[in-house]
């Protein structure tokens, strides 16, 4: 079994807290498995009887009648009338359809469109069941109806949201074992989607490509009522090719025009990026002024939730090692609870003609967690003197007390260079340094 200890501990800590636990995340990242296998096993091993664990799989046709919110609520309450506490898992909660409140419509179950005061939806069922003192409720749902923005809007502060991601490198390596160097190479190529990890290399490629097209794109098109997906498709390719590059809507729109020879406005670009973010495919890192200590500008960097999915968009053609390392470091920092920004600061320097010019300098990441803070540069190698000089130049110019780290794609343990900066191999950084 692939372990998901971080998320298991979140479930344990949220147990019986009086709120429903809403498990969100990109499709196929293991939400149902976390509940129905890992957490269920934990409960049974800690004395919960199997009869006190109710699993409702609403995508099973045998449970189709419980997609009616009133039928679902009545069934769960009747099941949980026995002694003790009950743990209720409802999988694919979005299958519950909206009806008109029978109290207000004389018992007529009429399918409703938009939510009104007369509408009963899955939100009402979830909140209602969670108020039962002997029911501890856990639900999962698919991305087309259960996006992060939906959860915030629908439940506000009335639920505990547990956001699941694909396997971190730590989780991946714990499962595959062997050489950390070999594991990093495989993880860069194919990422950590749980079902992909269980397949051969060629099977992984086809699985990830099909998953992206038939599941994630379908979700986005369905949810946002898009009539054509060509522009969305091209935009995704542009961002895939520019992972780790500073972008804004105007730059993306200009690139789109140069590739497809047709216009796209910035509002459409911004909307499409929001669709990708809400579907958990993309995260964005904003720029942070390292001297002014504030977020600055409209430029952002975009990172994929999983490097295998990113590579699938480009048909696994010559993935850029530096881009992928940067993507992995960003994801792992987020996984470990860091706030992550792109570091930036201005300097005034002399050009070749002796004229003073303002220059913007960049540090890959400024990561903070509690009292810990790091500047982090990510590069494939620093054995070349020019490459190392380029990477450490911002550090020398900053000359402050923040710990400065160079992460390289080499199997080296943590050392200090002549400037006192930390130099560390990618595997050691991910598995030990940032814990």
Protein backbone atom coordinates (compact mmCIF):
# COMPACT_ATOMS: atom_id res chain seq x y z
CA UNK A 1 0.00 0.00 0.00
CA UNK A 2 1.27 3.49 -0.89
CA UNK A 3 1.38 5.43 2.37
CA UNK A 4 -0.15 8.91 2.68
CA UNK A 5 0.82 9.62 6.27
CA UNK A 6 0.53 13.41 6.03
CA UNK A 7 -3.11 13.20 4.99
CA UNK A 8 -3.89 10.31 7.32
CA UNK A 9 -2.67 12.45 10.22
CA UNK A 10 -4.85 15.34 9.04
CA UNK A 11 -7.87 13.03 9.11
CA UNK A 12 -6.93 11.74 12.56
CA UNK A 13 -6.47 15.28 13.90
CA UNK A 14 -9.85 16.35 12.46
CA UNK A 15 -11.68 13.31 13.82
CA UNK A 16 -14.95 14.15 15.62
CA UNK A 17 -14.31 17.90 15.41
CA UNK A 18 -17.98 18.63 14.67
CA UNK A 19 -17.36 19.55 11.02
CA UNK A 20 -17.68 17.51 7.85
CA UNK A 21 -14.30 16.63 6.35
CA UNK A 22 -14.25 17.57 2.66
CA UNK A 23 -11.44 15.86 0.75
CA UNK A 24 -10.54 17.69 -2.46
CA UNK A 25 -7.79 17.36 -5.02
CA UNK A 26 -7.07 16.62 -8.63
CA UNK A 27 -8.83 13.58 -10.05
CA UNK A 28 -7.04 10.25 -9.62
CA UNK A 29 -4.73 11.50 -6.87
CA UNK A 30 -6.12 8.96 -4.38
CA UNK A 31 -8.95 10.68 -2.47
CA UNK A 32 -11.18 7.60 -2.35
CA UNK A 33 -8.26 5.30 -1.58
CA UNK A 34 -7.21 7.54 1.31
CA UNK A 35 -10.66 7.23 2.89
CA UNK A 36 -11.81 3.74 2.02
CA UNK A 37 -8.49 1.92 2.44
CA UNK A 38 -5.94 3.86 4.48
CA UNK A 39 -8.20 5.67 6.95
CA UNK A 40 -10.63 2.76 7.24
CA UNK A 41 -7.77 0.42 8.10
CA UNK A 42 -6.56 2.89 10.72
CA UNK A 43 -10.01 3.06 12.34
CA UNK A 44 -10.40 -0.73 12.49
CA UNK A 45 -6.89 -1.14 13.92
CA UNK A 46 -7.85 1.36 16.62
CA UNK A 47 -10.95 -0.43 17.81
CA UNK A 48 -13.74 0.87 15.56
CA UNK A 49 -16.09 -1.94 14.57
CA UNK A 50 -16.66 -2.45 10.85
CA UNK A 51 -20.42 -2.05 11.26
CA UNK A 52 -19.79 1.48 12.55
CA UNK A 53 -18.11 2.49 9.28
CA UNK A 54 -20.61 3.28 6.53
CA UNK A 55 -19.26 3.68 2.99
CA UNK A 56 -21.63 5.20 0.44
CA UNK A 57 -20.34 5.03 -3.17
CA UNK A 58 -22.73 7.24 -5.10
CA UNK A 59 -21.21 6.40 -8.50
CA UNK A 60 -22.43 2.80 -8.02
CA UNK A 61 -25.75 2.28 -9.84
CA UNK A 62 -27.00 0.21 -6.90
CA UNK A 63 -26.91 3.39 -4.82
CA UNK A 64 -28.52 5.59 -7.44
CA UNK A 65 -31.64 6.26 -5.33
CA UNK A 66 -29.43 7.87 -2.69
CA UNK A 67 -28.50 10.61 -5.13
CA UNK A 68 -31.76 12.14 -3.93
CA UNK A 69 -30.57 14.28 -0.98
CA UNK A 70 -33.57 13.41 1.20
CA UNK A 71 -33.21 9.66 0.55
CA UNK A 72 -29.49 9.88 1.34
CA UNK A 73 -30.03 11.77 4.58
CA UNK A 74 -32.74 9.38 5.78
CA UNK A 75 -30.70 6.28 4.95
CA UNK A 76 -27.58 7.49 6.75
CA UNK A 77 -29.51 8.57 9.84
CA UNK A 78 -31.37 5.24 10.02
CA UNK A 79 -28.13 3.29 9.63
CA UNK A 80 -26.48 5.26 12.43
CA UNK A 81 -29.20 4.65 15.05
CA UNK A 82 -27.18 2.01 16.85
CA UNK A 83 -24.82 2.39 19.78
CA UNK A 84 -21.55 4.26 19.54
CA UNK A 85 -20.09 6.70 17.06
CA UNK A 86 -20.39 6.15 13.32
CA UNK A 87 -17.86 7.09 10.65
CA UNK A 88 -19.66 7.87 7.39
CA UNK A 89 -17.76 8.06 4.08
CA UNK A 90 -19.71 9.45 1.12
CA UNK A 91 -17.79 9.08 -2.14
CA UNK A 92 -18.64 11.18 -5.23
CA UNK A 93 -20.95 13.49 -3.31
CA UNK A 94 -21.48 15.64 -6.42
CA UNK A 95 -23.79 12.88 -7.71
CA UNK A 96 -26.43 14.15 -5.29
CA UNK A 97 -28.80 16.26 -7.39
CA UNK A 98 -30.77 19.34 -6.38
CA UNK A 99 -34.45 19.09 -5.58
CA UNK A 100 -37.12 21.49 -4.41
CA UNK A 101 -37.75 21.41 -0.68
CA UNK A 102 -40.84 19.17 -0.23
CA UNK A 103 -41.98 21.21 2.77
CA UNK A 104 -42.23 24.27 0.54
CA UNK A 105 -43.54 22.50 -2.57
CA UNK A 106 -46.06 20.08 -1.07
CA UNK A 107 -43.82 17.06 -1.48
CA UNK A 108 -43.19 17.46 -5.20
CA UNK A 109 -39.62 16.47 -6.03
CA UNK A 110 -38.93 18.84 -8.90
CA UNK A 111 -35.41 19.06 -10.32
CA UNK A 112 -34.06 22.53 -9.64
CA UNK A 113 -31.62 24.67 -11.53
CA UNK A 114 -29.83 27.39 -9.58
CA UNK A 115 -29.80 27.25 -5.79
CA UNK A 116 -32.68 29.08 -4.10
CA UNK A 117 -34.13 29.04 -0.62
CA UNK A 118 -36.40 26.21 -1.79
CA UNK A 119 -33.51 24.09 -3.09
CA UNK A 120 -31.98 21.13 -1.28
CA UNK A 121 -28.49 20.17 -2.51
CA UNK A 122 -25.58 18.02 -1.38
CA UNK A 123 -24.35 20.93 0.74
CA UNK A 124 -27.51 20.78 2.85
CA UNK A 125 -27.17 17.02 3.29
CA UNK A 126 -23.51 17.29 4.30
CA UNK A 127 -24.12 20.06 6.82
CA UNK A 128 -27.24 18.37 8.17
CA UNK A 129 -25.59 14.99 8.73
CA UNK A 130 -22.53 16.59 10.30
CA UNK A 131 -24.77 18.05 13.04
CA UNK A 132 -25.73 14.56 14.22
CA UNK A 133 -23.72 14.00 17.41
CA UNK A 134 -22.89 10.37 16.70
CA UNK A 135 -21.89 10.87 13.02
CA UNK A 136 -18.39 11.80 11.91
CA UNK A 137 -18.76 12.63 8.22
CA UNK A 138 -16.18 12.45 5.40
CA UNK A 139 -16.92 13.22 1.75
CA UNK A 140 -15.08 13.27 -1.55
CA UNK A 141 -16.11 14.59 -4.93
CA UNK A 142 -14.93 15.00 -8.50
CA UNK A 143 -13.28 18.17 -9.71
CA UNK A 144 -15.97 19.35 -12.10
CA UNK A 145 -18.29 19.99 -9.14
CA UNK A 146 -15.97 20.01 -6.11
CA UNK A 147 -13.25 22.52 -6.87
CA UNK A 148 -11.32 24.41 -4.22
CA UNK A 149 -13.20 27.62 -4.99
CA UNK A 150 -16.53 25.78 -4.66
CA UNK A 151 -15.65 24.44 -1.23
CA UNK A 152 -14.72 27.88 0.06
CA UNK A 153 -17.94 29.38 -1.35
CA UNK A 154 -20.34 26.60 -0.39
CA UNK A 155 -19.08 25.65 3.05
CA UNK A 156 -17.14 28.76 4.14
CA UNK A 157 -16.01 28.01 7.71
CA UNK A 158 -18.46 25.14 8.22
CA UNK A 159 -16.19 22.32 7.03
CA UNK A 160 -12.64 21.02 7.30
CA UNK A 161 -11.02 20.94 3.87
CA UNK A 162 -8.24 18.41 3.31
CA UNK A 163 -6.51 19.13 0.00
CA UNK A 164 -4.88 16.01 -1.44
CA UNK A 165 -2.07 16.21 -4.01
CA UNK A 166 -0.28 13.59 -6.12
CA UNK A 167 2.51 11.71 -4.35
CA UNK A 168 5.28 13.91 -3.01
CA UNK A 169 8.80 12.68 -3.71
CA UNK A 170 9.02 11.51 -0.10
CA UNK A 171 5.89 9.37 -0.53
CA UNK A 172 7.04 8.16 -3.94
CA UNK A 173 10.49 7.15 -2.75
CA UNK A 174 9.13 5.40 0.34
CA UNK A 175 7.08 3.23 -1.98
CA UNK A 176 9.57 2.51 -4.82
CA UNK A 177 12.74 2.34 -2.69
CA UNK A 178 16.13 1.66 -4.26
CA UNK A 179 18.49 4.45 -5.26
CA UNK A 180 17.35 8.00 -4.52
CA UNK A 181 19.16 9.16 -7.67
CA UNK A 182 17.25 6.69 -9.85
CA UNK A 183 14.01 7.58 -8.10
CA UNK A 184 14.53 11.30 -8.78
CA UNK A 185 15.09 10.64 -12.47
CA UNK A 186 11.91 8.58 -12.73
CA UNK A 187 9.94 11.10 -10.66
CA UNK A 188 11.07 13.97 -12.92
CA UNK A 189 9.83 12.06 -15.95
CA UNK A 190 6.59 10.54 -14.73
CA UNK A 191 5.63 12.33 -11.51
CA UNK A 192 3.58 10.88 -8.67
CA UNK A 193 0.04 10.14 -9.84
CA UNK A 194 -0.64 7.00 -7.77
CA UNK A 195 -1.94 4.75 -10.57
CA UNK A 196 0.88 5.85 -12.88
CA UNK A 197 3.44 4.77 -10.30
CA UNK A 198 2.13 1.20 -10.53
CA UNK A 199 2.64 0.96 -14.31
CA UNK A 200 5.60 0.37 -16.63
CA UNK A 201 7.26 3.38 -18.29
CA UNK A 202 5.40 3.06 -21.59
CA UNK A 203 2.10 2.40 -19.82
CA UNK A 204 2.68 5.50 -17.68
CA UNK A 205 3.09 7.69 -20.75
CA UNK A 206 -0.19 6.60 -22.29
CA UNK A 207 -2.02 6.69 -18.98
CA UNK A 208 -0.92 10.25 -18.22
CA UNK A 209 -1.64 11.56 -21.72
CA UNK A 210 -5.11 10.01 -21.74
CA UNK A 211 -5.81 11.16 -18.19
CA UNK A 212 -5.00 14.75 -19.07
CA UNK A 213 -7.13 14.84 -22.18
CA UNK A 214 -10.13 12.70 -21.32
CA UNK A 215 -10.51 13.63 -17.65
CA UNK A 216 -9.00 17.00 -16.76
CA UNK A 217 -9.85 18.80 -19.97
CA UNK A 218 -13.32 17.30 -20.00
CA UNK A 219 -13.88 18.52 -16.43
CA UNK A 220 -12.78 22.07 -17.27
CA UNK A 221 -14.82 22.25 -20.48
CA UNK A 222 -17.91 20.85 -18.74
CA UNK A 223 -17.73 23.01 -15.66
CA UNK A 224 -17.08 26.28 -17.49
CA UNK A 225 -19.46 25.61 -20.39
CA UNK A 226 -16.77 26.06 -23.04
CA UNK A 227 -17.94 25.50 -26.62
CA UNK A 228 -14.43 25.11 -28.01
CA UNK A 229 -11.37 23.77 -26.25
CA UNK A 230 -8.67 24.54 -28.87
CA UNK A 231 -7.59 27.78 -27.21
CA UNK A 232 -7.57 26.11 -23.80
CA UNK A 233 -5.44 23.32 -25.21
CA UNK A 234 -2.91 25.71 -26.76
CA UNK A 235 -2.73 27.81 -23.62
CA UNK A 236 -1.92 24.70 -21.60
CA UNK A 237 0.88 23.83 -24.02
CA UNK A 238 2.33 27.34 -23.70
CA UNK A 239 2.37 27.16 -19.91
CA UNK A 240 3.80 23.62 -20.04
CA UNK A 241 6.69 24.85 -22.18
CA UNK A 242 7.23 27.86 -19.90
CA UNK A 243 7.22 26.14 -16.51
CA UNK A 244 9.24 28.30 -14.14
CA UNK A 245 9.25 31.34 -16.44
CA UNK A 246 7.79 34.68 -15.40
CA UNK A 247 4.50 35.16 -17.20
CA UNK A 248 1.44 37.39 -17.25
CA UNK A 249 -1.73 37.39 -19.33
CA UNK A 250 -0.29 39.76 -21.93
CA UNK A 251 2.86 37.68 -22.49
CA UNK A 252 0.80 34.50 -22.83
CA UNK A 253 -1.63 36.18 -25.23
CA UNK A 254 1.26 37.39 -27.40
CA UNK A 255 2.78 33.91 -27.48
CA UNK A 256 -0.63 32.49 -28.42
CA UNK A 257 -0.89 34.92 -31.36
CA UNK A 258 2.60 34.03 -32.61
CA UNK A 259 1.81 30.30 -32.54
CA UNK A 260 -1.79 30.18 -33.78
CA UNK A 261 -1.91 33.48 -35.70
CA UNK A 262 -5.18 34.43 -34.07
CA UNK A 263 -5.99 36.85 -31.28
CA UNK A 264 -6.98 36.06 -27.73
CA UNK A 265 -7.73 38.75 -25.17
CA UNK A 266 -6.13 38.97 -21.74
CA UNK A 267 -9.44 38.39 -19.92
CA UNK A 268 -9.85 35.02 -21.68
CA UNK A 269 -6.27 34.10 -20.78
CA UNK A 270 -6.83 35.03 -17.14
CA UNK A 271 -10.06 33.04 -17.04
CA UNK A 272 -8.41 29.95 -18.52
CA UNK A 273 -5.55 30.12 -16.01
CA UNK A 274 -8.13 30.31 -13.23
CA UNK A 275 -9.82 27.19 -14.64
CA UNK A 276 -6.52 25.29 -14.49
CA UNK A 277 -5.82 26.48 -10.96
CA UNK A 278 -9.31 25.58 -9.72
CA UNK A 279 -8.93 22.12 -11.22
CA UNK A 280 -5.74 21.71 -9.13
CA UNK A 281 -3.58 21.32 -12.26
CA UNK A 282 -1.62 24.53 -11.75
CA UNK A 283 -0.31 26.58 -8.86
CA UNK A 284 1.08 30.07 -9.15
CA UNK A 285 3.97 31.73 -7.33
CA UNK A 286 3.95 35.52 -7.13
CA UNK A 287 7.01 37.76 -7.06
CA UNK A 288 8.25 39.05 -3.72
CA UNK A 289 10.54 42.06 -3.31
CA UNK A 290 13.35 40.71 -1.12
CA UNK A 291 14.43 44.19 -0.09
CA UNK A 292 11.05 45.91 0.18
CA UNK A 293 9.49 42.78 1.78
CA UNK A 294 6.25 42.86 -0.20
CA UNK A 295 4.65 41.17 -3.21
CA UNK A 296 5.23 43.09 -6.41
CA UNK A 297 4.08 43.19 -10.04
CA UNK A 298 1.73 41.14 -12.18
CA UNK A 299 4.29 38.55 -13.33
CA UNK A 300 3.84 35.03 -11.97
CA UNK A 301 5.43 31.62 -12.30
CA UNK A 302 3.17 28.64 -12.91
CA UNK A 303 3.95 25.12 -11.76
CA UNK A 304 2.12 21.87 -12.45
CA UNK A 305 0.82 19.79 -9.55
CA UNK A 306 2.65 16.85 -11.11
CA UNK A 307 5.67 16.77 -13.44
CA UNK A 308 4.38 13.65 -15.21
CA UNK A 309 1.21 15.50 -16.22
CA UNK A 310 3.26 18.45 -17.43
CA UNK A 311 5.48 16.18 -19.53
CA UNK A 312 2.41 14.40 -20.90
CA UNK A 313 1.23 17.71 -22.35
CA UNK A 314 4.46 17.88 -24.35
CA UNK A 315 4.33 14.20 -25.34
CA UNK A 316 7.38 13.50 -23.15
CA UNK A 317 9.61 15.24 -25.70
CA UNK A 318 12.93 16.36 -24.21
CA UNK A 319 11.76 17.62 -20.81
CA UNK A 320 13.91 20.49 -19.54
CA UNK A 321 15.81 19.22 -16.51
CA UNK A 322 16.09 22.64 -14.84
CA UNK A 323 12.38 23.37 -15.26
CA UNK A 324 11.36 20.04 -13.83
CA UNK A 325 13.72 20.30 -10.85
CA UNK A 326 12.30 23.73 -10.08
CA UNK A 327 8.74 22.39 -10.36
CA UNK A 328 9.52 19.51 -7.98
CA UNK A 329 11.20 21.79 -5.42
CA UNK A 330 8.20 24.14 -5.51
CA UNK A 331 5.70 21.31 -5.00
CA UNK A 332 7.71 19.77 -2.20
CA UNK A 333 8.06 23.08 -0.36
CA UNK A 334 4.27 23.54 -0.54
CA UNK A 335 3.75 19.93 0.60
CA UNK A 336 5.90 20.63 3.65
CA UNK A 337 3.92 23.73 4.60
CA UNK A 338 6.12 26.53 3.31
CA UNK A 339 4.87 29.80 1.86
CA UNK A 340 6.73 30.09 -1.45
CA UNK A 341 7.37 33.16 -3.60
CA UNK A 342 9.67 34.04 -6.46
CA UNK A 343 12.37 36.31 -5.01
CA UNK A 344 13.13 39.56 -6.82
CA UNK A 345 15.03 42.78 -6.13
CA UNK A 346 16.33 45.74 -8.12
CA UNK A 347 19.89 46.95 -8.30
CA UNK A 348 21.62 49.86 -10.02
CA UNK A 349 24.67 48.82 -12.04
CA UNK A 350 26.98 50.21 -14.69
CA UNK A 351 26.56 49.03 -18.27
CA UNK A 352 29.45 48.56 -20.69
CA UNK A 353 29.38 52.27 -21.45
CA UNK A 354 29.61 53.23 -17.79
CA UNK A 355 26.00 54.39 -17.62
CA UNK A 356 23.96 53.56 -14.52
CA UNK A 357 21.05 51.24 -15.30
CA UNK A 358 18.41 49.59 -13.13
CA UNK A 359 18.41 45.80 -13.25
CA UNK A 360 15.94 43.29 -11.80
CA UNK A 361 17.51 40.23 -10.17
CA UNK A 362 15.77 36.99 -9.34
CA UNK A 363 16.06 34.19 -6.80
CA UNK A 364 14.14 31.05 -7.73
CA UNK A 365 12.34 30.79 -4.39
CA UNK A 366 11.93 32.64 -1.13
CA UNK A 367 10.44 30.03 1.21
CA UNK A 368 9.22 30.66 4.74
CA UNK A 369 7.67 28.50 7.47
CA UNK A 370 7.43 29.83 11.00
CA UNK A 371 10.84 31.20 11.95
CA UNK A 372 12.58 29.39 9.09
CA UNK A 373 13.33 31.19 5.84
CA UNK A 374 15.45 30.29 2.83
CA UNK A 375 16.59 31.69 -0.48
CA UNK A 376 16.75 28.75 -2.89
CA UNK A 377 18.39 28.50 -6.30
CA UNK A 378 17.72 25.31 -8.30
CA UNK A 379 20.09 24.20 -11.05
CA UNK A 380 21.15 21.01 -12.79
CA UNK A 381 24.83 21.45 -11.92
CA UNK A 382 27.36 24.02 -10.66
CA UNK A 383 30.57 22.31 -11.76
CA UNK A 384 30.89 24.98 -14.46
CA UNK A 385 32.36 28.14 -12.91
CA UNK A 386 30.21 30.49 -15.01
CA UNK A 387 27.03 28.65 -14.05
CA UNK A 388 27.86 28.78 -10.37
CA UNK A 389 28.78 32.46 -10.58
CA UNK A 390 25.42 33.23 -12.18
CA UNK A 391 23.52 31.30 -9.50
CA UNK A 392 25.28 32.85 -6.49
CA UNK A 393 25.40 36.41 -7.85
CA UNK A 394 21.99 37.37 -6.35
CA UNK A 395 23.09 35.94 -3.00
CA UNK A 396 26.26 38.04 -2.96
CA UNK A 397 24.28 41.17 -3.82
CA UNK A 398 21.68 40.52 -1.12
CA UNK A 399 24.22 39.89 1.63
CA UNK A 400 21.60 39.48 4.37
CA UNK A 401 21.04 36.93 7.13
CA UNK A 402 18.59 34.64 5.29
CA UNK A 403 20.04 31.14 4.73
CA UNK A 404 21.04 30.72 1.08
CA UNK A 405 20.76 27.32 -0.59
CA UNK A 406 21.92 25.91 -3.93
CA UNK A 407 19.99 22.75 -4.89
CA UNK A 408 21.66 20.71 -7.62
CA UNK A 409 20.73 17.52 -9.45
CA UNK A 410 23.67 15.55 -8.12
CA UNK A 411 23.92 12.92 -5.36
CA UNK A 412 25.84 15.11 -2.90
CA UNK A 413 25.32 15.61 0.82
CA UNK A 414 24.96 19.02 2.38
CA UNK A 415 28.15 21.11 2.23
CA UNK A 416 29.19 24.77 2.41
CA UNK A 417 30.91 26.61 -0.43
CA UNK A 418 33.55 29.33 -0.07
CA UNK A 419 30.86 31.96 0.54
CA UNK A 420 29.18 29.94 3.28
CA UNK A 421 26.15 29.06 1.14
CA UNK A 422 24.55 25.64 1.51
CA UNK A 423 25.09 23.29 -1.46
CA UNK A 424 22.93 20.17 -1.43
CA UNK A 425 21.78 17.45 -3.82
CA UNK A 426 18.14 17.37 -4.84
CA UNK A 427 17.33 14.07 -3.10
CA UNK A 428 18.88 15.09 0.20
CA UNK A 429 17.12 18.45 0.02
CA UNK A 430 13.70 16.87 -0.55
CA UNK A 431 14.00 13.99 1.87
CA UNK A 432 15.76 15.68 4.78
CA UNK A 433 16.61 19.37 4.54
CA UNK A 434 13.13 20.93 4.31
CA UNK A 435 11.40 18.67 6.85
